Amino acid sequence: MPEEYRGMEEMRAGSQIPENVVLVGKKPPMNYVLAVVTQFNNGVKSVKIRARGNSISRAVDVAEIARNRFVTDAKVNTIAIDSEEISNEDGTKSKVSSIEITLAK
């Protein structure tokens, strides 16, 4: 898995990421908010917002914007934090923080 999420389209191609997961990367927060709102409008009961490293604060922004402005009946169901070990290009390994926020109606 790459060091930063590069966007939902690239990550979903050929991978096993469920439809109700939004991977937050370096794009503007409203791009991800649109993805969350679209998922809820398609009838999904819960959406997971995942991010790593510097994108964690953007994921929190996405969850709060979606919950407060667009899907006002959604609640924060769970928040999970973790550290993941990734391999760098030179073969060394480092740890990066990650977060998963679950919004549910």
PDB file of N, CA and C in Angstrom:
ATOM      1  N   MET A   1       0.844  -1.181   0.000  1.00  0.00           N
ATOM      2  CA  MET A   1       0.000   0.000   0.000  1.00  0.00           C
ATOM      3  C   MET A   1       0.889   1.243   0.000  1.00  0.00           C
ATOM      4  N   PRO A   2       0.576   2.259  -0.790  1.00  0.00           N
ATOM      5  CA  PRO A   2       1.427   3.443  -0.848  1.00  0.00           C
ATOM      6  C   PRO A   2       1.435   4.212   0.466  1.00  0.00           C
ATOM      7  N   GLU A   3       2.440   5.077   0.612  1.00  0.00           N
ATOM      8  CA  GLU A   3       2.595   5.812   1.862  1.00  0.00           C
ATOM      9  C   GLU A   3       1.397   6.711   2.136  1.00  0.00           C
ATOM     10  N   GLU A   4       0.888   7.341   1.137  1.00  0.00           N
ATOM     11  CA  GLU A   4      -0.304   8.183   1.292  1.00  0.00           C
ATOM     12  C   GLU A   4      -1.399   7.649   0.374  1.00  0.00           C
ATOM     13  N   TYR A   5      -2.628   7.787   0.774  1.00  0.00           N
ATOM     14  CA  TYR A   5      -3.728   7.395  -0.096  1.00  0.00           C
ATOM     15  C   TYR A   5      -3.771   8.358  -1.275  1.00  0.00           C
ATOM     16  N   ARG A   6      -3.831   7.835  -2.466  1.00  0.00           N
ATOM     17  CA  ARG A   6      -3.765   8.678  -3.656  1.00  0.00           C
ATOM     18  C   ARG A   6      -5.132   8.983  -4.234  1.00  0.00           C
ATOM     19  N   GLY A   7      -6.167   8.543  -3.633  1.00  0.00           N
ATOM     20  CA  GLY A   7      -7.515   8.788  -4.142  1.00  0.00           C
ATOM     21  C   GLY A   7      -8.267   7.484  -4.234  1.00  0.00           C
ATOM     22  N   MET A   8      -9.554   7.578  -4.064  1.00  0.00           N
ATOM     23  CA  MET A   8     -10.384   6.383  -4.031  1.00  0.00           C
ATOM     24  C   MET A   8     -10.339   5.617  -5.338  1.00  0.00           C
ATOM     25  N   GLU A   9     -10.336   6.307  -6.474  1.00  0.00           N
ATOM     26  CA  GLU A   9     -10.384   5.618  -7.753  1.00  0.00           C
ATOM     27  C   GLU A   9      -9.144   4.753  -7.954  1.00  0.00           C
ATOM     28  N   GLU A  10      -7.971   5.301  -7.672  1.00  0.00           N
ATOM     29  CA  GLU A  10      -6.740   4.556  -7.855  1.00  0.00           C
ATOM     30  C   GLU A  10      -6.652   3.377  -6.899  1.00  0.00           C
ATOM     31  N   MET A  11      -7.064   3.570  -5.653  1.00  0.00           N
ATOM     32  CA  MET A  11      -6.948   2.515  -4.656  1.00  0.00           C
ATOM     33  C   MET A  11      -7.959   1.404  -4.895  1.00  0.00           C
ATOM     34  N   ARG A  12      -9.148   1.728  -5.380  1.00  0.00           N
ATOM     35  CA  ARG A  12     -10.175   0.719  -5.585  1.00  0.00           C
ATOM     36  C   ARG A  12      -9.886  -0.173  -6.796  1.00  0.00           C
ATOM     37  N   ALA A  13      -9.163   0.367  -7.775  1.00  0.00           N
ATOM     38  CA  ALA A  13      -8.873  -0.398  -8.988  1.00  0.00           C
ATOM     39  C   ALA A  13      -7.984  -1.585  -8.627  1.00  0.00           C
ATOM     40  N   GLY A  14      -8.550  -2.774  -8.736  1.00  0.00           N
ATOM     41  CA  GLY A  14      -7.791  -3.982  -8.476  1.00  0.00           C
ATOM     42  C   GLY A  14      -7.557  -4.283  -7.009  1.00  0.00           C
ATOM     43  N   SER A  15      -8.249  -3.621  -6.106  1.00  0.00           N
ATOM     44  CA  SER A  15      -8.065  -3.892  -4.685  1.00  0.00           C
ATOM     45  C   SER A  15      -9.373  -4.388  -4.075  1.00  0.00           C
ATOM     46  N   GLN A  16      -9.324  -4.649  -2.796  1.00  0.00           N
ATOM     47  CA  GLN A  16     -10.497  -5.189  -2.114  1.00  0.00           C
ATOM     48  C   GLN A  16     -11.041  -4.203  -1.085  1.00  0.00           C
ATOM     49  N   ILE A  17     -11.086  -2.928  -1.423  1.00  0.00           N
ATOM     50  CA  ILE A  17     -11.602  -1.911  -0.517  1.00  0.00           C
ATOM     51  C   ILE A  17     -13.116  -1.862  -0.675  1.00  0.00           C
ATOM     52  N   PRO A  18     -13.863  -2.040   0.419  1.00  0.00           N
ATOM     53  CA  PRO A  18     -15.329  -2.020   0.326  1.00  0.00           C
ATOM     54  C   PRO A  18     -15.861  -0.669  -0.156  1.00  0.00           C
ATOM     55  N   GLU A  19     -17.062  -0.699  -0.703  1.00  0.00           N
ATOM     56  CA  GLU A  19     -17.675   0.521  -1.235  1.00  0.00           C
ATOM     57  C   GLU A  19     -17.959   1.563  -0.163  1.00  0.00           C
ATOM     58  N   ASN A  20     -18.203   1.136   1.072  1.00  0.00           N
ATOM     59  CA  ASN A  20     -18.575   2.108   2.098  1.00  0.00           C
ATOM     60  C   ASN A  20     -17.354   2.692   2.819  1.00  0.00           C
ATOM     61  N   VAL A  21     -16.174   2.583   2.235  1.00  0.00           N
ATOM     62  CA  VAL A  21     -14.954   3.143   2.818  1.00  0.00           C
ATOM     63  C   VAL A  21     -14.475   4.305   1.955  1.00  0.00           C
ATOM     64  N   VAL A  22     -14.210   5.436   2.607  1.00  0.00           N
ATOM     65  CA  VAL A  22     -13.670   6.610   1.929  1.00  0.00           C
ATOM     66  C   VAL A  22     -12.241   6.791   2.421  1.00  0.00           C
ATOM     67  N   LEU A  23     -11.284   6.723   1.499  1.00  0.00           N
ATOM     68  CA  LEU A  23      -9.879   6.888   1.837  1.00  0.00           C
ATOM     69  C   LEU A  23      -9.488   8.347   1.637  1.00  0.00           C
ATOM     70  N   VAL A  24      -9.095   8.999   2.704  1.00  0.00           N
ATOM     71  CA  VAL A  24      -8.774  10.425   2.657  1.00  0.00           C
ATOM     72  C   VAL A  24      -7.283  10.584   2.377  1.00  0.00           C
ATOM     73  N   GLY A  25      -6.978  11.424   1.401  1.00  0.00           N
ATOM     74  CA  GLY A  25      -5.595  11.702   1.019  1.00  0.00           C
ATOM     75  C   GLY A  25      -5.333  13.189   0.990  1.00  0.00           C
ATOM     76  N   LYS A  26      -4.751  13.655  -0.098  1.00  0.00           N
ATOM     77  CA  LYS A  26      -4.300  15.044  -0.183  1.00  0.00           C
ATOM     78  C   LYS A  26      -5.251  15.982  -0.924  1.00  0.00           C
ATOM     79  N   LYS A  27      -6.365  15.462  -1.415  1.00  0.00           N
ATOM     80  CA  LYS A  27      -7.321  16.320  -2.119  1.00  0.00           C
ATOM     81  C   LYS A  27      -8.049  17.219  -1.119  1.00  0.00           C
ATOM     82  N   PRO A  28      -8.746  18.239  -1.608  1.00  0.00           N
ATOM     83  CA  PRO A  28      -9.513  19.101  -0.705  1.00  0.00           C
ATOM     84  C   PRO A  28     -10.598  18.302   0.035  1.00  0.00           C
ATOM     85  N   PRO A  29     -10.894  18.684   1.271  1.00  0.00           N
ATOM     86  CA  PRO A  29     -11.869  17.937   2.076  1.00  0.00           C
ATOM     87  C   PRO A  29     -13.235  17.769   1.424  1.00  0.00           C
ATOM     88  N   MET A  30     -13.694  18.758   0.657  1.00  0.00           N
ATOM     89  CA  MET A  30     -15.029  18.659   0.068  1.00  0.00           C
ATOM     90  C   MET A  30     -15.137  17.517  -0.940  1.00  0.00           C
ATOM     91  N   ASN A  31     -14.047  17.111  -1.552  1.00  0.00           N
ATOM     92  CA  ASN A  31     -14.078  15.951  -2.447  1.00  0.00           C
ATOM     93  C   ASN A  31     -14.486  14.696  -1.675  1.00  0.00           C
ATOM     94  N   TYR A  32     -13.937  14.541  -0.480  1.00  0.00           N
ATOM     95  CA  TYR A  32     -14.229  13.376   0.341  1.00  0.00           C
ATOM     96  C   TYR A  32     -15.602  13.490   0.995  1.00  0.00           C
ATOM     97  N   VAL A  33     -16.002  14.709   1.343  1.00  0.00           N
ATOM     98  CA  VAL A  33     -17.348  14.923   1.888  1.00  0.00           C
ATOM     99  C   VAL A  33     -18.388  14.493   0.855  1.00  0.00           C
ATOM    100  N   LEU A  34     -18.174  14.849  -0.397  1.00  0.00           N
ATOM    101  CA  LEU A  34     -19.078  14.443  -1.466  1.00  0.00           C
ATOM    102  C   LEU A  34     -19.172  12.920  -1.539  1.00  0.00           C
ATOM    103  N   ALA A  35     -18.048  12.236  -1.392  1.00  0.00           N
ATOM    104  CA  ALA A  35     -18.051  10.771  -1.421  1.00  0.00           C
ATOM    105  C   ALA A  35     -18.851  10.195  -0.255  1.00  0.00           C
ATOM    106  N   VAL A  36     -18.715  10.778   0.923  1.00  0.00           N
ATOM    107  CA  VAL A  36     -19.461  10.312   2.100  1.00  0.00           C
ATOM    108  C   VAL A  36     -20.953  10.535   1.907  1.00  0.00           C
ATOM    109  N   VAL A  37     -21.322  11.731   1.471  1.00  0.00           N
ATOM    110  CA  VAL A  37     -22.735  12.050   1.266  1.00  0.00           C
ATOM    111  C   VAL A  37     -23.337  11.152   0.183  1.00  0.00           C
ATOM    112  N   THR A  38     -22.585  10.896  -0.871  1.00  0.00           N
ATOM    113  CA  THR A  38     -23.052  10.010  -1.937  1.00  0.00           C
ATOM    114  C   THR A  38     -23.315   8.612  -1.407  1.00  0.00           C
ATOM    115  N   GLN A  39     -22.439   8.121  -0.562  1.00  0.00           N
ATOM    116  CA  GLN A  39     -22.634   6.790   0.023  1.00  0.00           C
ATOM    117  C   GLN A  39     -23.932   6.736   0.825  1.00  0.00           C
ATOM    118  N   PHE A  40     -24.164   7.728   1.658  1.00  0.00           N
ATOM    119  CA  PHE A  40     -25.398   7.753   2.450  1.00  0.00           C
ATOM    120  C   PHE A  40     -26.625   7.878   1.556  1.00  0.00           C
ATOM    121  N   ASN A  41     -26.543   8.670   0.496  1.00  0.00           N
ATOM    122  CA  ASN A  41     -27.675   8.820  -0.421  1.00  0.00           C
ATOM    123  C   ASN A  41     -27.960   7.543  -1.201  1.00  0.00           C
ATOM    124  N   ASN A  42     -26.951   6.674  -1.346  1.00  0.00           N
ATOM    125  CA  ASN A  42     -27.148   5.392  -2.015  1.00  0.00           C
ATOM    126  C   ASN A  42     -27.713   4.326  -1.086  1.00  0.00           C
ATOM    127  N   GLY A  43     -28.023   4.686   0.149  1.00  0.00           N
ATOM    128  CA  GLY A  43     -28.675   3.767   1.067  1.00  0.00           C
ATOM    129  C   GLY A  43     -27.760   3.030   2.017  1.00  0.00           C
ATOM    130  N   VAL A  44     -26.487   3.374   2.054  1.00  0.00           N
ATOM    131  CA  VAL A  44     -25.561   2.718   2.971  1.00  0.00           C
ATOM    132  C   VAL A  44     -25.866   3.194   4.388  1.00  0.00           C
ATOM    133  N   LYS A  45     -25.847   2.272   5.349  1.00  0.00           N
ATOM    134  CA  LYS A  45     -26.160   2.621   6.741  1.00  0.00           C
ATOM    135  C   LYS A  45     -24.970   3.211   7.491  1.00  0.00           C
ATOM    136  N   SER A  46     -23.738   2.826   7.108  1.00  0.00           N
ATOM    137  CA  SER A  46     -22.556   3.385   7.760  1.00  0.00           C
ATOM    138  C   SER A  46     -21.439   3.564   6.740  1.00  0.00           C
ATOM    139  N   VAL A  47     -20.612   4.582   6.971  1.00  0.00           N
ATOM    140  CA  VAL A  47     -19.485   4.901   6.097  1.00  0.00           C
ATOM    141  C   VAL A  47     -18.244   5.012   6.973  1.00  0.00           C
ATOM    142  N   LYS A  48     -17.160   4.374   6.533  1.00  0.00           N
ATOM    143  CA  LYS A  48     -15.887   4.452   7.237  1.00  0.00           C
ATOM    144  C   LYS A  48     -14.982   5.430   6.510  1.00  0.00           C
ATOM    145  N   ILE A  49     -14.410   6.353   7.267  1.00  0.00           N
ATOM    146  CA  ILE A  49     -13.487   7.344   6.733  1.00  0.00           C
ATOM    147  C   ILE A  49     -12.107   6.983   7.260  1.00  0.00           C
ATOM    148  N   ARG A  50     -11.188   6.651   6.361  1.00  0.00           N
ATOM    149  CA  ARG A  50      -9.849   6.219   6.758  1.00  0.00           C
ATOM    150  C   ARG A  50      -8.794   7.197   6.258  1.00  0.00           C
ATOM    151  N   ALA A  51      -7.764   7.399   7.100  1.00  0.00           N
ATOM    152  CA  ALA A  51      -6.646   8.260   6.710  1.00  0.00           C
ATOM    153  C   ALA A  51      -5.399   7.841   7.466  1.00  0.00           C
ATOM    154  N   ARG A  52      -4.253   8.226   6.896  1.00  0.00           N
ATOM    155  CA  ARG A  52      -2.975   7.966   7.551  1.00  0.00           C
ATOM    156  C   ARG A  52      -2.128   9.227   7.539  1.00  0.00           C
ATOM    157  N   GLY A  53      -1.230   9.300   8.512  1.00  0.00           N
ATOM    158  CA  GLY A  53      -0.230  10.363   8.549  1.00  0.00           C
ATOM    159  C   GLY A  53      -0.818  11.757   8.602  1.00  0.00           C
ATOM    160  N   ASN A  54      -0.324  12.607   7.708  1.00  0.00           N
ATOM    161  CA  ASN A  54      -0.736  14.016   7.691  1.00  0.00           C
ATOM    162  C   ASN A  54      -2.182  14.212   7.267  1.00  0.00           C
ATOM    163  N   SER A  55      -2.822  13.191   6.751  1.00  0.00           N
ATOM    164  CA  SER A  55      -4.216  13.312   6.296  1.00  0.00           C
ATOM    165  C   SER A  55      -5.225  13.065   7.403  1.00  0.00           C
ATOM    166  N   ILE A  56      -4.756  12.744   8.605  1.00  0.00           N
ATOM    167  CA  ILE A  56      -5.674  12.453   9.705  1.00  0.00           C
ATOM    168  C   ILE A  56      -6.543  13.656  10.033  1.00  0.00           C
ATOM    169  N   SER A  57      -5.955  14.838  10.095  1.00  0.00           N
ATOM    170  CA  SER A  57      -6.749  16.031  10.419  1.00  0.00           C
ATOM    171  C   SER A  57      -7.776  16.314   9.331  1.00  0.00           C
ATOM    172  N   ARG A  58      -7.432  16.024   8.079  1.00  0.00           N
ATOM    173  CA  ARG A  58      -8.375  16.206   6.984  1.00  0.00           C
ATOM    174  C   ARG A  58      -9.543  15.222   7.120  1.00  0.00           C
ATOM    175  N   ALA A  59      -9.266  14.007   7.572  1.00  0.00           N
ATOM    176  CA  ALA A  59     -10.335  13.015   7.779  1.00  0.00           C
ATOM    177  C   ALA A  59     -11.305  13.460   8.861  1.00  0.00           C
ATOM    178  N   VAL A  60     -10.781  14.055   9.918  1.00  0.00           N
ATOM    179  CA  VAL A  60     -11.646  14.579  10.982  1.00  0.00           C
ATOM    180  C   VAL A  60     -12.505  15.712  10.428  1.00  0.00           C
ATOM    181  N   ASP A  61     -11.913  16.578   9.623  1.00  0.00           N
ATOM    182  CA  ASP A  61     -12.676  17.663   8.990  1.00  0.00           C
ATOM    183  C   ASP A  61     -13.784  17.104   8.107  1.00  0.00           C
ATOM    184  N   VAL A  62     -13.467  16.069   7.326  1.00  0.00           N
ATOM    185  CA  VAL A  62     -14.456  15.444   6.437  1.00  0.00           C
ATOM    186  C   VAL A  62     -15.625  14.911   7.252  1.00  0.00           C
ATOM    187  N   ALA A  63     -15.327  14.201   8.330  1.00  0.00           N
ATOM    188  CA  ALA A  63     -16.390  13.628   9.162  1.00  0.00           C
ATOM    189  C   ALA A  63     -17.271  14.725   9.765  1.00  0.00           C
ATOM    190  N   GLU A  64     -16.656  15.771  10.252  1.00  0.00           N
ATOM    191  CA  GLU A  64     -17.425  16.843  10.883  1.00  0.00           C
ATOM    192  C   GLU A  64     -18.234  17.651   9.867  1.00  0.00           C
ATOM    193  N   ILE A  65     -17.674  17.940   8.714  1.00  0.00           N
ATOM    194  CA  ILE A  65     -18.419  18.677   7.685  1.00  0.00           C
ATOM    195  C   ILE A  65     -19.600  17.847   7.209  1.00  0.00           C
ATOM    196  N   ALA A  66     -19.364  16.577   6.933  1.00  0.00           N
ATOM    197  CA  ALA A  66     -20.454  15.710   6.461  1.00  0.00           C
ATOM    198  C   ALA A  66     -21.548  15.600   7.508  1.00  0.00           C
ATOM    199  N   ARG A  67     -21.161  15.430   8.754  1.00  0.00           N
ATOM    200  CA  ARG A  67     -22.128  15.219   9.829  1.00  0.00           C
ATOM    201  C   ARG A  67     -22.901  16.490  10.181  1.00  0.00           C
ATOM    202  N   ASN A  68     -22.234  17.623  10.192  1.00  0.00           N
ATOM    203  CA  ASN A  68     -22.881  18.862  10.632  1.00  0.00           C
ATOM    204  C   ASN A  68     -23.622  19.603   9.526  1.00  0.00           C
ATOM    205  N   ARG A  69     -23.188  19.480   8.270  1.00  0.00           N
ATOM    206  CA  ARG A  69     -23.801  20.265   7.198  1.00  0.00           C
ATOM    207  C   ARG A  69     -24.708  19.468   6.266  1.00  0.00           C
ATOM    208  N   PHE A  70     -24.359  18.219   5.994  1.00  0.00           N
ATOM    209  CA  PHE A  70     -25.050  17.504   4.933  1.00  0.00           C
ATOM    210  C   PHE A  70     -25.877  16.313   5.406  1.00  0.00           C
ATOM    211  N   VAL A  71     -25.360  15.512   6.301  1.00  0.00           N
ATOM    212  CA  VAL A  71     -26.077  14.329   6.799  1.00  0.00           C
ATOM    213  C   VAL A  71     -26.251  14.533   8.299  1.00  0.00           C
ATOM    214  N   THR A  72     -27.187  15.397   8.649  1.00  0.00           N
ATOM    215  CA  THR A  72     -27.323  15.812  10.043  1.00  0.00           C
ATOM    216  C   THR A  72     -27.813  14.701  10.960  1.00  0.00           C
ATOM    217  N   ASP A  73     -28.397  13.644  10.398  1.00  0.00           N
ATOM    218  CA  ASP A  73     -28.842  12.536  11.255  1.00  0.00           C
ATOM    219  C   ASP A  73     -27.759  11.471  11.429  1.00  0.00           C
ATOM    220  N   ALA A  74     -26.570  11.676  10.882  1.00  0.00           N
ATOM    221  CA  ALA A  74     -25.464  10.732  11.059  1.00  0.00           C
ATOM    222  C   ALA A  74     -24.765  11.005  12.389  1.00  0.00           C
ATOM    223  N   LYS A  75     -24.332   9.950  13.019  1.00  0.00           N
ATOM    224  CA  LYS A  75     -23.617  10.040  14.290  1.00  0.00           C
ATOM    225  C   LYS A  75     -22.257   9.371  14.146  1.00  0.00           C
ATOM    226  N   VAL A  76     -21.309   9.804  14.957  1.00  0.00           N
ATOM    227  CA  VAL A  76     -20.010   9.138  14.990  1.00  0.00           C
ATOM    228  C   VAL A  76     -20.200   7.852  15.774  1.00  0.00           C
ATOM    229  N   ASN A  77     -20.052   6.728  15.098  1.00  0.00           N
ATOM    230  CA  ASN A  77     -20.264   5.430  15.727  1.00  0.00           C
ATOM    231  C   ASN A  77     -19.006   4.978  16.457  1.00  0.00           C
ATOM    232  N   THR A  78     -17.884   4.920  15.762  1.00  0.00           N
ATOM    233  CA  THR A  78     -16.622   4.528  16.386  1.00  0.00           C
ATOM    234  C   THR A  78     -15.477   5.341  15.790  1.00  0.00           C
ATOM    235  N   ILE A  79     -14.421   5.457  16.576  1.00  0.00           N
ATOM    236  CA  ILE A  79     -13.164   6.044  16.116  1.00  0.00           C
ATOM    237  C   ILE A  79     -12.066   5.087  16.537  1.00  0.00           C
ATOM    238  N   ALA A  80     -11.308   4.607  15.566  1.00  0.00           N
ATOM    239  CA  ALA A  80     -10.214   3.685  15.848  1.00  0.00           C
ATOM    240  C   ALA A  80      -8.904   4.307  15.386  1.00  0.00           C
ATOM    241  N   ILE A  81      -7.901   4.266  16.255  1.00  0.00           N
ATOM    242  CA  ILE A  81      -6.577   4.758  15.892  1.00  0.00           C
ATOM    243  C   ILE A  81      -5.591   3.594  15.952  1.00  0.00           C
ATOM    244  N   ASP A  82      -4.547   3.694  15.144  1.00  0.00           N
ATOM    245  CA  ASP A  82      -3.590   2.599  15.056  1.00  0.00           C
ATOM    246  C   ASP A  82      -2.290   3.129  14.482  1.00  0.00           C
ATOM    247  N   SER A  83      -1.267   2.307  14.520  1.00  0.00           N
ATOM    248  CA  SER A  83      -0.003   2.577  13.841  1.00  0.00           C
ATOM    249  C   SER A  83       0.230   1.456  12.849  1.00  0.00           C
ATOM    250  N   GLU A  84       0.617   1.830  11.641  1.00  0.00           N
ATOM    251  CA  GLU A  84       0.883   0.846  10.606  1.00  0.00           C
ATOM    252  C   GLU A  84       2.347   0.933  10.223  1.00  0.00           C
ATOM    253  N   GLU A  85       2.952  -0.201   9.977  1.00  0.00           N
ATOM    254  CA  GLU A  85       4.338  -0.232   9.542  1.00  0.00           C
ATOM    255  C   GLU A  85       4.370  -0.271   8.021  1.00  0.00           C
ATOM    256  N   ILE A  86       5.083   0.658   7.435  1.00  0.00           N
ATOM    257  CA  ILE A  86       5.177   0.712   5.970  1.00  0.00           C
ATOM    258  C   ILE A  86       6.629   0.596   5.556  1.00  0.00           C
ATOM    259  N   SER A  87       6.841   0.104   4.353  1.00  0.00           N
ATOM    260  CA  SER A  87       8.191  -0.001   3.804  1.00  0.00           C
ATOM    261  C   SER A  87       8.465   1.206   2.925  1.00  0.00           C
ATOM    262  N   ASN A  88       9.587   1.848   3.144  1.00  0.00           N
ATOM    263  CA  ASN A  88       9.986   2.987   2.328  1.00  0.00           C
ATOM    264  C   ASN A  88      10.656   2.490   1.056  1.00  0.00           C
ATOM    265  N   GLU A  89      10.932   3.390   0.142  1.00  0.00           N
ATOM    266  CA  GLU A  89      11.555   3.027  -1.131  1.00  0.00           C
ATOM    267  C   GLU A  89      12.948   2.422  -0.948  1.00  0.00           C
ATOM    268  N   ASP A  90      13.658   2.850   0.088  1.00  0.00           N
ATOM    269  CA  ASP A  90      15.013   2.331   0.312  1.00  0.00           C
ATOM    270  C   ASP A  90      15.022   1.023   1.101  1.00  0.00           C
ATOM    271  N   GLY A  91      13.851   0.475   1.394  1.00  0.00           N
ATOM    272  CA  GLY A  91      13.753  -0.809   2.075  1.00  0.00           C
ATOM    273  C   GLY A  91      13.622  -0.712   3.582  1.00  0.00           C
ATOM    274  N   THR A  92      13.778   0.482   4.139  1.00  0.00           N
ATOM    275  CA  THR A  92      13.605   0.625   5.585  1.00  0.00           C
ATOM    276  C   THR A  92      12.133   0.673   5.925  1.00  0.00           C
ATOM    277  N   LYS A  93      11.826   0.347   7.165  1.00  0.00           N
ATOM    278  CA  LYS A  93      10.435   0.366   7.611  1.00  0.00           C
ATOM    279  C   LYS A  93      10.241   1.488   8.616  1.00  0.00           C
ATOM    280  N   SER A  94       9.072   2.110   8.544  1.00  0.00           N
ATOM    281  CA  SER A  94       8.728   3.154   9.507  1.00  0.00           C
ATOM    282  C   SER A  94       7.264   3.010   9.876  1.00  0.00           C
ATOM    283  N   LYS A  95       6.908   3.606  10.992  1.00  0.00           N
ATOM    284  CA  LYS A  95       5.525   3.538  11.458  1.00  0.00           C
ATOM    285  C   LYS A  95       4.807   4.836  11.125  1.00  0.00           C
ATOM    286  N   VAL A  96       3.550   4.691  10.742  1.00  0.00           N
ATOM    287  CA  VAL A  96       2.724   5.854  10.436  1.00  0.00           C
ATOM    288  C   VAL A  96       1.395   5.673  11.160  1.00  0.00           C
ATOM    289  N   SER A  97       0.887   6.756  11.728  1.00  0.00           N
ATOM    290  CA  SER A  97      -0.391   6.710  12.439  1.00  0.00           C
ATOM    291  C   SER A  97      -1.544   6.626  11.453  1.00  0.00           C
ATOM    292  N   SER A  98      -2.631   6.012  11.897  1.00  0.00           N
ATOM    293  CA  SER A  98      -3.829   5.927  11.046  1.00  0.00           C
ATOM    294  C   SER A  98      -5.069   6.098  11.912  1.00  0.00           C
ATOM    295  N   ILE A  99      -6.158   6.477  11.260  1.00  0.00           N
ATOM    296  CA  ILE A  99      -7.430   6.654  11.942  1.00  0.00           C
ATOM    297  C   ILE A  99      -8.546   6.119  11.056  1.00  0.00           C
ATOM    298  N   GLU A 100      -9.582   5.594  11.687  1.00  0.00           N
ATOM    299  CA  GLU A 100     -10.781   5.164  10.983  1.00  0.00           C
ATOM    300  C   GLU A 100     -11.984   5.678  11.761  1.00  0.00           C
ATOM    301  N   ILE A 101     -12.757   6.535  11.135  1.00  0.00           N
ATOM    302  CA  ILE A 101     -13.947   7.126  11.742  1.00  0.00           C
ATOM    303  C   ILE A 101     -15.158   6.504  11.055  1.00  0.00           C
ATOM    304  N   THR A 102     -16.065   5.928  11.840  1.00  0.00           N
ATOM    305  CA  THR A 102     -17.259   5.334  11.292  1.00  0.00           C
ATOM    306  C   THR A 102     -18.459   6.219  11.586  1.00  0.00           C
ATOM    307  N   LEU A 103     -19.116   6.692  10.527  1.00  0.00           N
ATOM    308  CA  LEU A 103     -20.351   7.460  10.650  1.00  0.00           C
ATOM    309  C   LEU A 103     -21.507   6.537  10.350  1.00  0.00           C
ATOM    310  N   ALA A 104     -22.561   6.605  11.145  1.00  0.00           N
ATOM    311  CA  ALA A 104     -23.720   5.739  10.932  1.00  0.00           C
ATOM    312  C   ALA A 104     -24.995   6.531  11.095  1.00  0.00           C
ATOM    313  N   LYS A 105     -26.016   6.134  10.334  1.00  0.00           N
ATOM    314  CA  LYS A 105     -27.331   6.763  10.460  1.00  0.00           C
ATOM    315  C   LYS A 105     -28.140   6.017  11.489  1.00  0.00           C
TER     316      LYS A 105
END
